[in-house]
Amino acid sequence: YSGTITAPCEVLYYVEEGEMNIKTETGEGEFHVEPESILFIPANEPHRLFNNSGRRSRILMSGAGSFAAINSKSV
């Protein structure tokens, strides 16, 4: 799993391969994302990525802003 990720812009996750769980930290819950699915995360929403499948996952992360400003804290 990842550390907590916070982006100053809206973020889209697209799953190309495998599956992913994405958990938000401010109450929206946990989402299971499978291939060809897209999940929208609002700006400044702390979230974490999990892969509990035991298989490799490949995801694309996209947003309308500077990725240099993304804050990721390790666990």
Protein backbone atom coordinates (compact mmCIF):
# COMPACT_ATOMS: atom_id res chain seq x y z
CA TYR A 1 0.00 0.00 0.00
CA SER A 2 1.05 3.57 -0.48
CA GLY A 3 1.60 6.31 2.00
CA THR A 4 -0.98 9.08 2.17
CA ILE A 5 -1.19 11.04 -1.09
CA THR A 6 -2.57 14.59 -1.22
CA ALA A 7 -2.69 16.54 -4.49
CA PRO A 8 -3.52 20.25 -4.86
CA CYS A 9 -5.54 19.38 -7.96
CA GLU A 10 -8.24 16.90 -8.91
CA VAL A 11 -6.78 13.46 -9.66
CA LEU A 12 -8.05 10.66 -11.90
CA TYR A 13 -6.87 7.08 -11.51
CA TYR A 14 -7.30 4.72 -14.47
CA VAL A 15 -6.61 1.01 -13.97
CA GLU A 16 -4.93 -0.56 -17.01
CA GLU A 17 -4.14 -3.94 -15.46
CA GLY A 18 -5.02 -5.75 -12.24
CA GLU A 19 -7.08 -4.04 -9.59
CA MET A 20 -6.67 -1.41 -6.92
CA ASN A 21 -8.40 -0.23 -3.76
CA ILE A 22 -8.31 3.47 -3.03
CA LYS A 23 -9.24 4.69 0.43
CA THR A 24 -10.00 8.32 1.16
CA GLU A 25 -9.23 9.66 4.61
CA THR A 26 -12.03 12.19 5.06
CA GLY A 27 -15.05 9.92 5.02
CA GLU A 28 -15.92 9.00 1.43
CA GLY A 29 -14.79 5.44 2.03
CA GLU A 30 -12.90 2.78 0.14
CA PHE A 31 -13.32 2.12 -3.58
CA HIS A 32 -12.46 -1.01 -5.55
CA VAL A 33 -11.26 -0.16 -9.06
CA GLU A 34 -10.89 -2.78 -11.82
CA PRO A 35 -9.46 -2.61 -15.37
CA GLU A 36 -10.87 0.14 -17.58
CA SER A 37 -12.36 1.89 -14.55
CA ILE A 38 -11.73 5.50 -13.60
CA LEU A 39 -11.88 7.00 -10.12
CA PHE A 40 -12.02 10.74 -9.44
CA ILE A 41 -10.38 12.14 -6.28
CA PRO A 42 -11.12 15.80 -5.42
CA ALA A 43 -8.28 18.27 -4.85
CA ASN A 44 -6.68 18.13 -1.39
CA GLU A 45 -8.37 14.79 -0.55
CA PRO A 46 -5.87 12.62 1.36
CA HIS A 47 -6.01 9.05 0.05
CA ARG A 48 -4.04 5.80 -0.06
CA LEU A 49 -3.66 3.09 -2.71
CA PHE A 50 -3.88 -0.62 -1.88
CA ASN A 51 -3.38 -3.73 -3.98
CA ASN A 52 -4.66 -6.73 -2.04
CA SER A 53 -5.04 -8.99 -5.07
CA GLY A 54 -1.60 -10.60 -5.02
CA ARG A 55 -1.29 -9.72 -8.72
CA ARG A 56 0.54 -6.90 -10.44
CA SER A 57 -1.46 -3.74 -11.06
CA ARG A 58 -0.75 -0.92 -13.46
CA ILE A 59 -2.53 2.39 -13.00
CA LEU A 60 -2.32 5.79 -14.64
CA MET A 61 -2.62 8.92 -12.52
CA SER A 62 -3.74 12.13 -14.21
CA GLY A 63 -4.65 15.58 -13.00
CA ALA A 64 -4.95 19.22 -14.01
CA GLY A 65 -2.09 20.75 -12.08
CA SER A 66 1.53 20.39 -11.12
CA PHE A 67 2.47 16.90 -10.01
CA ALA A 68 5.56 18.42 -8.41
CA ALA A 69 3.23 19.79 -5.72
CA ILE A 70 1.84 16.37 -4.75
CA ASN A 71 2.49 15.50 -1.13
CA SER A 72 3.06 11.81 -0.42
CA LYS A 73 3.81 10.69 3.12
CA SER A 74 5.26 7.25 3.69
CA VAL A 75 3.84 4.91 6.26
